Amino acid sequence: MAATTPSGQSGTPLPSPALPTREDAVAPDSLTVAVRAEDPAGADALALVDELSAVLTEITGASGQSSFDVADVQGPRACFALARDAHGRALGCGALRPLDGTAAEVKRMFARPGTRGVGSAVLRFLEGEAARRGYAAVRLSTRLVNARAVAFYERHGYRRIPGYGRYVGSEVSVCFEKVLEPVV
């Protein structure tokens, strides 16, 4: 399922050009962002996940890789999403991992620096996919020290919840949940 943008473009498959550097992540004429489900083992997906891991290591001291397994986001109730600009360049990613029958976990959310609106577009796409796949809520965990991520999720309607799963009792993590509107 592809997300469409205000200009009406859909997330149809595009060729995979060379990845942009941080400095040229978004061209001035590439305000259109298409988000669609893609293979988490694809070159663009792996490059973004590696870039995210490096950024997280700088911010938190840990890459977050230990809490992500590509196999977890490849099943029928899972999803890995990539955001691309009008030129097909990968700008951001995120994933859904089933937690239980009613909730999915948002994983590996990342938008390249300088890509305004990409993180929000990826999150909206994942929330829509979660609702379409029958989930009533999405949850996630981020490090407290990652103030930008904490503020991002709060701005997007996520509320803090007690730790779940591996995050129970963690003093460095904060967990969030958002109840989804059912798909009719």
Protein backbone atom coordinates (compact mmCIF):
# COMPACT_ATOMS: atom_id res chain seq x y z
CA MET A 1 0.00 0.00 0.00
CA ALA A 2 1.57 3.29 -1.04
CA ALA A 3 1.04 6.65 0.57
CA THR A 4 0.05 9.48 -1.69
CA THR A 5 1.16 13.06 -1.36
CA PRO A 6 -0.82 16.27 -1.82
CA SER A 7 0.38 16.41 -5.43
CA GLY A 8 -1.34 13.07 -6.03
CA GLN A 9 1.78 11.05 -6.73
CA SER A 10 1.66 7.52 -5.45
CA GLY A 11 4.42 5.41 -4.00
CA THR A 12 4.99 3.45 -7.19
CA PRO A 13 8.29 1.61 -7.44
CA LEU A 14 11.15 3.83 -8.53
CA PRO A 15 14.71 2.98 -9.52
CA SER A 16 17.18 2.97 -6.66
CA PRO A 17 19.75 5.69 -7.40
CA ALA A 18 22.88 6.26 -5.34
CA LEU A 19 22.17 7.31 -1.78
CA PRO A 20 22.49 11.04 -1.12
CA THR A 21 24.94 12.37 1.40
CA ARG A 22 23.64 14.14 4.48
CA GLU A 23 24.30 17.46 2.78
CA ASP A 24 22.18 16.71 -0.30
CA ALA A 25 19.53 14.49 1.27
CA VAL A 26 16.69 16.57 -0.19
CA ALA A 27 16.75 18.49 -3.42
CA PRO A 28 14.79 21.78 -3.37
CA ASP A 29 12.34 20.41 -5.96
CA SER A 30 11.69 17.16 -4.11
CA LEU A 31 8.95 18.19 -1.71
CA THR A 32 6.93 15.17 -2.73
CA VAL A 33 7.56 12.21 -0.46
CA ALA A 34 6.15 8.77 -1.21
CA VAL A 35 6.12 6.14 1.52
CA ARG A 36 5.57 2.49 0.74
CA ALA A 37 6.30 -0.96 2.10
CA GLU A 38 9.63 -2.30 0.89
CA ASP A 39 12.01 -5.16 1.59
CA PRO A 40 13.90 -4.53 4.86
CA ALA A 41 16.85 -6.47 3.41
CA GLY A 42 17.11 -4.18 0.35
CA ALA A 43 20.17 -1.98 -0.13
CA ASP A 44 18.40 1.31 0.64
CA ALA A 45 16.74 -0.13 3.75
CA LEU A 46 19.99 -1.53 5.08
CA ALA A 47 21.81 1.75 4.40
CA LEU A 48 19.19 3.76 6.31
CA VAL A 49 19.17 1.31 9.23
CA ASP A 50 22.98 1.51 9.40
CA GLU A 51 22.82 5.31 9.31
CA LEU A 52 20.22 5.26 12.10
CA SER A 53 22.42 2.97 14.17
CA ALA A 54 25.34 5.39 13.83
CA VAL A 55 23.17 8.36 14.83
CA LEU A 56 21.74 6.49 17.83
CA THR A 57 25.22 5.53 18.95
CA GLU A 58 26.19 9.22 18.91
CA ILE A 59 23.09 10.26 20.87
CA THR A 60 22.59 7.37 23.29
CA GLY A 61 25.78 5.34 23.29
CA ALA A 62 23.92 2.31 21.84
CA SER A 63 22.99 1.53 18.23
CA GLY A 64 19.62 -0.07 18.98
CA GLN A 65 20.51 -2.98 16.69
CA SER A 66 20.07 -5.53 19.46
CA SER A 67 16.34 -4.80 19.55
CA PHE A 68 15.77 -5.19 15.80
CA ASP A 69 15.65 -8.31 13.67
CA VAL A 70 14.78 -8.02 9.97
CA ALA A 71 12.81 -11.29 10.20
CA ASP A 72 10.44 -9.65 12.72
CA VAL A 73 9.22 -7.14 10.12
CA GLN A 74 8.70 -9.52 7.19
CA GLY A 75 5.59 -11.44 8.24
CA PRO A 76 1.98 -10.87 7.17
CA ARG A 77 1.20 -8.56 10.12
CA ALA A 78 4.53 -6.73 9.88
CA CYS A 79 5.83 -4.00 7.60
CA PHE A 80 9.01 -2.13 6.71
CA ALA A 81 8.47 1.26 5.09
CA LEU A 82 10.76 3.53 3.09
CA ALA A 83 10.16 7.18 2.24
CA ARG A 84 11.52 8.39 -1.08
CA ASP A 85 11.67 11.81 -2.67
CA ALA A 86 10.48 12.61 -6.19
CA HIS A 87 13.84 11.41 -7.53
CA GLY A 88 13.57 8.01 -5.84
CA ARG A 89 16.15 8.73 -3.15
CA ALA A 90 15.57 6.95 0.14
CA LEU A 91 15.10 9.57 2.88
CA GLY A 92 13.60 7.72 5.83
CA CYS A 93 12.35 4.44 7.17
CA GLY A 94 10.36 2.74 9.87
CA ALA A 95 8.92 -0.67 10.67
CA LEU A 96 6.04 -2.45 12.38
CA ARG A 97 6.68 -5.57 14.42
CA PRO A 98 3.80 -7.58 15.88
CA LEU A 99 3.73 -7.54 19.68
CA ASP A 100 0.50 -9.42 20.23
CA GLY A 101 -2.89 -9.71 18.55
CA THR A 102 -3.86 -6.13 19.32
CA ALA A 103 -0.64 -4.08 19.26
CA ALA A 104 2.33 -3.60 16.94
CA GLU A 105 5.65 -2.03 17.82
CA VAL A 106 7.16 0.82 15.79
CA LYS A 107 10.85 0.10 15.13
CA ARG A 108 13.78 1.74 13.34
CA MET A 109 12.14 5.15 12.77
CA PHE A 110 14.59 7.40 10.99
CA ALA A 111 14.61 10.43 8.71
CA ARG A 112 17.81 11.74 7.22
CA PRO A 113 18.88 15.15 8.52
CA GLY A 114 17.41 18.02 6.52
CA THR A 115 14.33 16.06 5.42
CA ARG A 116 11.44 17.98 6.89
CA GLY A 117 8.21 16.03 7.19
CA VAL A 118 9.72 12.66 6.29
CA GLY A 119 9.53 11.21 9.82
CA SER A 120 5.91 12.32 10.13
CA ALA A 121 5.06 10.78 6.74
CA VAL A 122 6.66 7.47 7.69
CA LEU A 123 4.88 7.42 11.05
CA ARG A 124 1.48 8.18 9.45
CA PHE A 125 2.06 5.39 6.95
CA LEU A 126 2.97 2.89 9.68
CA GLU A 127 -0.05 3.87 11.77
CA GLY A 128 -2.30 3.37 8.74
CA GLU A 129 -0.73 0.01 7.97
CA ALA A 130 -1.13 -1.06 11.59
CA ALA A 131 -4.83 -0.18 11.53
CA ARG A 132 -5.32 -1.99 8.19
CA ARG A 133 -3.59 -5.05 9.63
CA GLY A 134 -6.05 -5.14 12.52
CA TYR A 135 -4.03 -3.61 15.33
CA ALA A 136 -5.80 -1.42 17.87
CA ALA A 137 -2.63 0.34 19.03
CA VAL A 138 1.02 0.92 18.26
CA ARG A 139 3.75 1.06 20.90
CA LEU A 140 7.39 1.99 20.90
CA SER A 141 10.35 2.65 23.10
CA THR A 142 13.07 5.25 22.78
CA ARG A 143 15.87 6.39 25.03
CA LEU A 144 15.06 9.24 27.41
CA VAL A 145 18.29 10.97 26.38
CA ASN A 146 16.93 11.16 22.82
CA ALA A 147 14.89 14.28 23.59
CA ARG A 148 14.14 14.96 19.93
CA ALA A 149 12.50 11.55 19.49
CA VAL A 150 10.56 11.90 22.75
CA ALA A 151 9.19 15.28 21.63
CA PHE A 152 8.40 13.91 18.13
CA TYR A 153 6.23 11.10 19.47
CA GLU A 154 4.48 13.34 21.98
CA ARG A 155 3.71 15.83 19.17
CA HIS A 156 2.16 12.98 17.19
CA GLY A 157 -0.29 11.96 19.91
CA TYR A 158 1.66 9.20 21.65
CA ARG A 159 1.23 8.92 25.40
CA ARG A 160 3.75 7.56 27.85
CA ILE A 161 3.02 4.09 29.19
CA PRO A 162 4.78 1.75 31.62
CA GLY A 163 7.63 -0.28 30.16
CA TYR A 164 6.61 -3.40 28.23
CA GLY A 165 8.59 -6.49 27.21
CA ARG A 166 12.32 -5.94 27.40
CA TYR A 167 11.76 -2.35 28.60
CA VAL A 168 10.09 -3.27 31.91
CA GLY A 169 12.14 -1.62 34.64
CA SER A 170 14.46 0.20 32.22
CA GLU A 171 15.61 3.52 33.61
CA VAL A 172 17.03 4.70 30.28
CA SER A 173 13.97 4.04 28.10
CA VAL A 174 10.58 5.65 27.81
CA CYS A 175 7.67 3.74 26.24
CA PHE A 176 4.79 5.22 24.29
CA GLU A 177 1.47 4.06 22.89
CA LYS A 178 -1.06 5.45 20.45
CA VAL A 179 -4.54 4.01 20.12
CA LEU A 180 -5.49 3.77 16.46
CA GLU A 181 -8.73 4.69 14.74
CA PRO A 182 -10.29 1.48 13.43
CA VAL A 183 -10.41 1.03 9.66
CA VAL A 184 -14.00 0.78 8.42
